C-alpha atoms as a PDB file:
ATOM      1  CA  MET A   1      16.614 -18.616  -9.236  1.00  0.00           C
ATOM      2  CA  ASN A   2      16.929 -17.402 -12.812  1.00  0.00           C
ATOM      3  CA  ILE A   3      17.564 -13.683 -13.369  1.00  0.00           C
ATOM      4  CA  HIS A   4      15.942 -13.539 -16.791  1.00  0.00           C
ATOM      5  CA  GLY A   5      13.227 -10.874 -16.918  1.00  0.00           C
ATOM      6  CA  PHE A   6      14.733  -8.440 -14.425  1.00  0.00           C
ATOM      7  CA  SER A   7      16.214  -5.123 -15.603  1.00  0.00           C
ATOM      8  CA  PRO A   8      19.625  -5.877 -17.131  1.00  0.00           C
ATOM      9  CA  TYR A   9      21.496  -3.252 -15.091  1.00  0.00           C
ATOM     10  CA  ILE A  10      20.653  -5.002 -11.805  1.00  0.00           C
ATOM     11  CA  PHE A  11      22.705  -8.058 -12.739  1.00  0.00           C
ATOM     12  CA  TRP A  12      25.064  -6.477 -15.277  1.00  0.00           C
ATOM     13  CA  SER A  13      28.018  -8.634 -14.223  1.00  0.00           C
ATOM     14  CA  TYR A  14      26.163 -11.948 -14.578  1.00  0.00           C
ATOM     15  CA  ASN A  15      25.155 -13.991 -17.601  1.00  0.00           C
ATOM     16  CA  ARG A  16      21.472 -13.286 -18.394  1.00  0.00           C
ATOM     17  CA  THR A  17      20.661 -16.993 -17.959  1.00  0.00           C
ATOM     18  CA  ALA A  18      22.472 -17.348 -14.620  1.00  0.00           C
ATOM     19  CA  ASP A  19      20.856 -19.102 -11.679  1.00  0.00           C
ATOM     20  CA  LEU A  20      21.692 -17.212  -8.490  1.00  0.00           C
ATOM     21  CA  ASP A  21      20.931 -17.569  -4.814  1.00  0.00           C
ATOM     22  CA  PRO A  22      17.432 -16.159  -4.125  1.00  0.00           C
ATOM     23  CA  GLU A  23      18.760 -14.030  -1.244  1.00  0.00           C
ATOM     24  CA  LEU A  24      21.226 -12.303  -3.579  1.00  0.00           C
ATOM     25  CA  ILE A  25      18.503 -11.659  -6.142  1.00  0.00           C
ATOM     26  CA  ILE A  26      16.123 -10.270  -3.524  1.00  0.00           C
ATOM     27  CA  LYS A  27      18.738  -7.882  -2.138  1.00  0.00           C
ATOM     28  CA  ARG A  28      19.879  -6.609  -5.538  1.00  0.00           C
ATOM     29  CA  VAL A  29      16.326  -6.080  -6.766  1.00  0.00           C
ATOM     30  CA  ILE A  30      15.440  -4.151  -3.610  1.00  0.00           C
ATOM     31  CA  ILE A  31      18.549  -1.967  -3.904  1.00  0.00           C
ATOM     32  CA  TYR A  32      18.691  -1.369  -7.662  1.00  0.00           C
ATOM     33  CA  GLY A  33      15.359  -2.450  -9.101  1.00  0.00           C
ATOM     34  CA  GLU A  34      12.413  -0.557 -10.476  1.00  0.00           C
ATOM     35  CA  VAL A  35       8.857  -1.169  -9.250  1.00  0.00           C
ATOM     36  CA  SER A  36       8.323  -3.591 -12.151  1.00  0.00           C
ATOM     37  CA  ASP A  37      11.337  -5.623 -10.952  1.00  0.00           C
ATOM     38  CA  MET A  38       9.921  -5.731  -7.437  1.00  0.00           C
ATOM     39  CA  ILE A  39       6.580  -6.958  -8.734  1.00  0.00           C
ATOM     40  CA  LEU A  40       8.336  -9.666 -10.755  1.00  0.00           C
ATOM     41  CA  LEU A  41      10.353 -10.632  -7.680  1.00  0.00           C
ATOM     42  CA  ALA A  42       7.199 -10.941  -5.577  1.00  0.00           C
ATOM     43  CA  THR A  43       5.573 -13.230  -8.147  1.00  0.00           C
ATOM     44  CA  ARG A  44       8.655 -15.445  -8.404  1.00  0.00           C
ATOM     45  CA  THR A  45       9.611 -15.783  -4.744  1.00  0.00           C
ATOM     46  CA  GLY A  46       6.603 -14.968  -2.629  1.00  0.00           C
ATOM     47  CA  LYS A  47       6.086 -12.592   0.233  1.00  0.00           C
ATOM     48  CA  LYS A  48       7.377 -14.886   2.995  1.00  0.00           C
ATOM     49  CA  GLU A  49      10.788 -15.349   1.369  1.00  0.00           C
ATOM     50  CA  ILE A  50      11.199 -11.602   0.754  1.00  0.00           C
ATOM     51  CA  LEU A  51      10.235 -10.717   4.331  1.00  0.00           C
ATOM     52  CA  LYS A  52      12.633 -13.345   5.682  1.00  0.00           C
ATOM     53  CA  VAL A  53      15.544 -11.808   3.767  1.00  0.00           C
ATOM     54  CA  ILE A  54      14.570  -8.277   4.814  1.00  0.00           C
ATOM     55  CA  ARG A  55      14.362  -9.180   8.502  1.00  0.00           C
ATOM     56  CA  ASN A  56      17.744 -10.942   8.464  1.00  0.00           C
ATOM     57  CA  TRP A  57      19.488  -8.198   6.467  1.00  0.00           C
ATOM     58  CA  THR A  58      22.335  -6.609   8.422  1.00  0.00           C
ATOM     59  CA  GLY A  59      23.135  -3.002   7.591  1.00  0.00           C
ATOM     60  CA  ARG A  60      19.614  -2.465   6.333  1.00  0.00           C
ATOM     61  CA  GLU A  61      19.363   1.125   7.595  1.00  0.00           C
ATOM     62  CA  LYS A  62      20.959   2.386   4.390  1.00  0.00           C
ATOM     63  CA  TYR A  63      18.039   1.024   2.348  1.00  0.00           C
ATOM     64  CA  ASP A  64      15.140   1.851   4.683  1.00  0.00           C
ATOM     65  CA  LYS A  65      12.976   3.468   1.989  1.00  0.00           C
ATOM     66  CA  HIS A  66      13.322   0.492  -0.339  1.00  0.00           C
ATOM     67  CA  LEU A  67      12.758  -2.030   2.422  1.00  0.00           C
ATOM     68  CA  ASN A  68       9.679  -0.251   3.752  1.00  0.00           C
ATOM     69  CA  PHE A  69       8.197  -0.286   0.264  1.00  0.00           C
ATOM     70  CA  MET A  70       8.783  -4.029  -0.120  1.00  0.00           C
ATOM     71  CA  GLU A  71       7.457  -4.849   3.351  1.00  0.00           C
ATOM     72  CA  ARG A  72       4.151  -3.201   2.516  1.00  0.00           C
END
């Protein structure tokens, strides 16, 4: 998935035209993204893919607030 359009600080170490694994993008947007990034993520990947990553995420307790927001 292309990272173009997301806030630059989320993927600061990657080229702005990079294609990354969708799971990596979902996790970084949930952790570091703004609401506008989460909306963009939902339009690009779809709810099922986001929920799948959230449910399989180990160590998710640290990000409970972010994950609860995305699940709703």
